[in-house]
Amino acid sequence: MSSSTHDLEVENCRTVFTKLDTNKDGKIDFDEFKKAFWNQGSNRGEKSIREAFDAADVNKNGTIDLEEMCKYLNKNKPNISSS
């Protein structure tokens, strides 16, 4: 992967993260994560969204930080966009 491609992926990740972090505390809690799915028109149930959240919350502290979000997005390419 070229440096410019990596930089673009990091920037896209940061954009998604910033959009989801609605209270701007530097982390995404479950409610913010859930709202992102539902705002995108997803019909996923809360249990399915919780499973996705738990997969992203690598350190299991109840929130997703920027690094965790980037890893999750790169691995799963979920239906959360920066639009």
N, C-alpha and C. Protein backbone atom coordinates (compact mmCIF):
# COMPACT_ATOMS: atom_id res chain seq x y z
N MET A 1 0.85 -1.17 0.00
CA MET A 1 0.00 0.00 0.00
C MET A 1 0.90 1.23 0.00
N SER A 2 0.62 2.17 -0.87
CA SER A 2 1.43 3.37 -0.94
C SER A 2 1.12 4.27 0.25
N SER A 3 2.05 5.16 0.53
CA SER A 3 1.88 6.08 1.64
C SER A 3 0.66 6.96 1.42
N SER A 4 0.44 7.42 0.19
CA SER A 4 -0.71 8.28 -0.07
C SER A 4 -2.02 7.52 0.11
N THR A 5 -2.04 6.24 -0.25
CA THR A 5 -3.23 5.43 -0.05
C THR A 5 -3.49 5.25 1.44
N HIS A 6 -2.44 4.96 2.19
CA HIS A 6 -2.57 4.80 3.63
C HIS A 6 -3.04 6.10 4.27
N ASP A 7 -2.46 7.22 3.86
CA ASP A 7 -2.87 8.52 4.41
C ASP A 7 -4.33 8.80 4.13
N LEU A 8 -4.80 8.44 2.94
CA LEU A 8 -6.20 8.64 2.58
C LEU A 8 -7.10 7.77 3.44
N GLU A 9 -6.71 6.51 3.67
CA GLU A 9 -7.51 5.63 4.52
C GLU A 9 -7.58 6.17 5.95
N VAL A 10 -6.48 6.66 6.46
CA VAL A 10 -6.46 7.22 7.81
C VAL A 10 -7.36 8.45 7.86
N GLU A 11 -7.29 9.30 6.86
CA GLU A 11 -8.13 10.49 6.82
C GLU A 11 -9.60 10.13 6.72
N ASN A 12 -9.94 9.13 5.90
CA ASN A 12 -11.32 8.68 5.80
C ASN A 12 -11.81 8.13 7.13
N CYS A 13 -10.96 7.39 7.80
CA CYS A 13 -11.29 6.84 9.10
C CYS A 13 -11.54 7.97 10.10
N ARG A 14 -10.68 8.96 10.09
CA ARG A 14 -10.82 10.10 11.00
C ARG A 14 -12.13 10.84 10.73
N THR A 15 -12.50 10.96 9.46
CA THR A 15 -13.74 11.63 9.09
C THR A 15 -14.95 10.87 9.62
N VAL A 16 -14.95 9.55 9.44
CA VAL A 16 -16.04 8.72 9.96
C VAL A 16 -16.09 8.82 11.48
N PHE A 17 -14.94 8.71 12.12
CA PHE A 17 -14.87 8.76 13.57
C PHE A 17 -15.44 10.08 14.09
N THR A 18 -15.03 11.18 13.49
CA THR A 18 -15.48 12.50 13.92
C THR A 18 -16.99 12.64 13.77
N LYS A 19 -17.52 12.09 12.68
CA LYS A 19 -18.97 12.14 12.47
C LYS A 19 -19.71 11.34 13.53
N LEU A 20 -19.20 10.17 13.88
CA LEU A 20 -19.88 9.33 14.86
C LEU A 20 -19.74 9.85 16.29
N ASP A 21 -18.66 10.53 16.58
CA ASP A 21 -18.39 11.05 17.92
C ASP A 21 -19.20 12.35 18.12
N THR A 22 -20.51 12.19 18.26
CA THR A 22 -21.39 13.36 18.26
C THR A 22 -21.20 14.26 19.47
N ASN A 23 -20.76 13.74 20.59
CA ASN A 23 -20.54 14.60 21.75
C ASN A 23 -19.10 15.11 21.84
N LYS A 24 -18.29 14.74 20.86
CA LYS A 24 -16.91 15.24 20.70
C LYS A 24 -16.03 15.00 21.92
N ASP A 25 -16.18 13.80 22.54
CA ASP A 25 -15.34 13.48 23.68
C ASP A 25 -14.15 12.60 23.32
N GLY A 26 -13.97 12.34 22.02
CA GLY A 26 -12.82 11.57 21.57
C GLY A 26 -13.01 10.07 21.62
N LYS A 27 -14.25 9.64 21.85
CA LYS A 27 -14.55 8.21 21.85
C LYS A 27 -16.01 8.03 21.43
N ILE A 28 -16.30 6.84 20.97
CA ILE A 28 -17.65 6.53 20.50
C ILE A 28 -18.26 5.52 21.46
N ASP A 29 -19.39 5.89 22.04
CA ASP A 29 -20.07 4.94 22.92
C ASP A 29 -21.12 4.18 22.10
N PHE A 30 -21.78 3.24 22.73
CA PHE A 30 -22.73 2.39 22.00
C PHE A 30 -23.86 3.20 21.39
N ASP A 31 -24.39 4.17 22.10
CA ASP A 31 -25.50 4.96 21.56
C ASP A 31 -25.08 5.72 20.31
N GLU A 32 -23.89 6.30 20.31
CA GLU A 32 -23.40 7.00 19.12
C GLU A 32 -23.24 6.02 17.96
N PHE A 33 -22.70 4.85 18.24
CA PHE A 33 -22.48 3.83 17.22
C PHE A 33 -23.81 3.37 16.64
N LYS A 34 -24.77 3.11 17.51
CA LYS A 34 -26.10 2.65 17.10
C LYS A 34 -26.78 3.71 16.23
N LYS A 35 -26.73 4.95 16.65
CA LYS A 35 -27.35 6.03 15.89
C LYS A 35 -26.76 6.15 14.50
N ALA A 36 -25.47 5.88 14.38
CA ALA A 36 -24.83 5.95 13.06
C ALA A 36 -25.43 4.93 12.11
N PHE A 37 -25.65 3.72 12.58
CA PHE A 37 -26.27 2.70 11.75
C PHE A 37 -27.68 3.11 11.37
N TRP A 38 -28.46 3.51 12.35
CA TRP A 38 -29.86 3.85 12.10
C TRP A 38 -29.99 5.11 11.24
N ASN A 39 -29.09 6.07 11.42
CA ASN A 39 -29.13 7.28 10.58
C ASN A 39 -28.79 6.99 9.13
N GLN A 40 -28.07 5.89 8.90
CA GLN A 40 -27.74 5.48 7.53
C GLN A 40 -28.87 4.65 6.92
N GLY A 41 -29.95 4.46 7.66
CA GLY A 41 -31.09 3.70 7.15
C GLY A 41 -30.96 2.21 7.36
N SER A 42 -30.02 1.81 8.19
CA SER A 42 -29.83 0.39 8.45
C SER A 42 -31.04 -0.16 9.21
N ASN A 43 -31.41 -1.38 8.87
CA ASN A 43 -32.49 -2.04 9.60
C ASN A 43 -31.95 -3.10 10.55
N ARG A 44 -30.65 -3.01 10.84
CA ARG A 44 -30.04 -3.95 11.79
C ARG A 44 -30.65 -3.72 13.16
N GLY A 45 -30.90 -4.81 13.85
CA GLY A 45 -31.42 -4.73 15.21
C GLY A 45 -30.34 -4.34 16.20
N GLU A 46 -30.78 -3.98 17.39
CA GLU A 46 -29.85 -3.54 18.41
C GLU A 46 -28.84 -4.64 18.77
N LYS A 47 -29.28 -5.90 18.79
CA LYS A 47 -28.37 -7.00 19.11
C LYS A 47 -27.25 -7.11 18.07
N SER A 48 -27.59 -6.99 16.80
CA SER A 48 -26.61 -7.05 15.73
C SER A 48 -25.63 -5.88 15.80
N ILE A 49 -26.16 -4.71 16.11
CA ILE A 49 -25.30 -3.53 16.25
C ILE A 49 -24.39 -3.68 17.46
N ARG A 50 -24.91 -4.25 18.54
CA ARG A 50 -24.09 -4.49 19.74
C ARG A 50 -22.94 -5.43 19.42
N GLU A 51 -23.21 -6.46 18.63
CA GLU A 51 -22.16 -7.40 18.25
C GLU A 51 -21.07 -6.68 17.44
N ALA A 52 -21.47 -5.80 16.55
CA ALA A 52 -20.50 -5.03 15.76
C ALA A 52 -19.71 -4.10 16.68
N PHE A 53 -20.40 -3.44 17.61
CA PHE A 53 -19.73 -2.54 18.56
C PHE A 53 -18.71 -3.31 19.39
N ASP A 54 -19.12 -4.46 19.90
CA ASP A 54 -18.22 -5.26 20.73
C ASP A 54 -17.00 -5.73 19.94
N ALA A 55 -17.19 -6.01 18.66
CA ALA A 55 -16.06 -6.40 17.81
C ALA A 55 -15.09 -5.23 17.62
N ALA A 56 -15.63 -4.02 17.54
CA ALA A 56 -14.78 -2.84 17.36
C ALA A 56 -14.09 -2.42 18.66
N ASP A 57 -14.73 -2.66 19.79
CA ASP A 57 -14.20 -2.26 21.09
C ASP A 57 -13.18 -3.29 21.56
N VAL A 58 -12.01 -3.24 20.96
CA VAL A 58 -10.98 -4.26 21.19
C VAL A 58 -10.57 -4.36 22.65
N ASN A 59 -10.40 -3.24 23.32
CA ASN A 59 -9.94 -3.29 24.71
C ASN A 59 -11.08 -3.44 25.71
N LYS A 60 -12.31 -3.55 25.22
CA LYS A 60 -13.49 -3.83 26.04
C LYS A 60 -13.72 -2.83 27.17
N ASN A 61 -13.45 -1.55 26.88
CA ASN A 61 -13.68 -0.53 27.89
C ASN A 61 -15.02 0.19 27.71
N GLY A 62 -15.83 -0.28 26.76
CA GLY A 62 -17.16 0.29 26.57
C GLY A 62 -17.23 1.44 25.60
N THR A 63 -16.09 1.80 25.02
CA THR A 63 -16.05 2.85 24.01
C THR A 63 -15.08 2.45 22.91
N ILE A 64 -15.22 3.11 21.77
CA ILE A 64 -14.34 2.87 20.64
C ILE A 64 -13.51 4.13 20.42
N ASP A 65 -12.18 3.98 20.42
CA ASP A 65 -11.32 5.13 20.15
C ASP A 65 -10.96 5.14 18.66
N LEU A 66 -10.23 6.14 18.25
CA LEU A 66 -9.91 6.31 16.83
C LEU A 66 -9.15 5.10 16.28
N GLU A 67 -8.19 4.61 17.02
CA GLU A 67 -7.41 3.46 16.55
C GLU A 67 -8.28 2.22 16.38
N GLU A 68 -9.15 1.98 17.36
CA GLU A 68 -10.05 0.83 17.26
C GLU A 68 -10.99 0.98 16.07
N MET A 69 -11.50 2.20 15.85
CA MET A 69 -12.40 2.43 14.73
C MET A 69 -11.70 2.19 13.40
N CYS A 70 -10.48 2.66 13.27
CA CYS A 70 -9.73 2.45 12.03
C CYS A 70 -9.52 0.97 11.76
N LYS A 71 -9.14 0.24 12.78
CA LYS A 71 -8.95 -1.21 12.61
C LYS A 71 -10.26 -1.88 12.21
N TYR A 72 -11.35 -1.48 12.86
CA TYR A 72 -12.66 -2.06 12.56
C TYR A 72 -13.08 -1.75 11.13
N LEU A 73 -12.93 -0.50 10.72
CA LEU A 73 -13.32 -0.11 9.36
C LEU A 73 -12.48 -0.84 8.32
N ASN A 74 -11.19 -0.94 8.56
CA ASN A 74 -10.32 -1.63 7.61
C ASN A 74 -10.63 -3.11 7.51
N LYS A 75 -11.04 -3.71 8.60
CA LYS A 75 -11.33 -5.14 8.62
C LYS A 75 -12.72 -5.45 8.08
N ASN A 76 -13.70 -4.62 8.39
CA ASN A 76 -15.09 -4.96 8.12
C ASN A 76 -15.78 -4.15 7.04
N LYS A 77 -15.27 -2.98 6.73
CA LYS A 77 -15.92 -2.12 5.74
C LYS A 77 -17.43 -2.05 5.97
N PRO A 78 -17.85 -1.66 7.21
CA PRO A 78 -19.27 -1.67 7.53
C PRO A 78 -20.05 -0.58 6.80
N ASN A 79 -21.34 -0.63 6.96
CA ASN A 79 -22.22 0.31 6.31
C ASN A 79 -22.32 1.61 7.10
N ILE A 80 -21.17 2.20 7.34
CA ILE A 80 -21.10 3.51 7.98
C ILE A 80 -20.22 4.35 7.07
N SER A 81 -20.75 5.45 6.61
CA SER A 81 -19.97 6.27 5.68
C SER A 81 -19.74 7.64 6.26
N SER A 82 -18.90 8.39 5.60
CA SER A 82 -18.59 9.75 6.04
C SER A 82 -19.51 10.76 5.39
N SER A 83 -20.48 10.31 4.64
CA SER A 83 -21.39 11.25 3.97
C SER A 83 -22.43 11.79 4.91
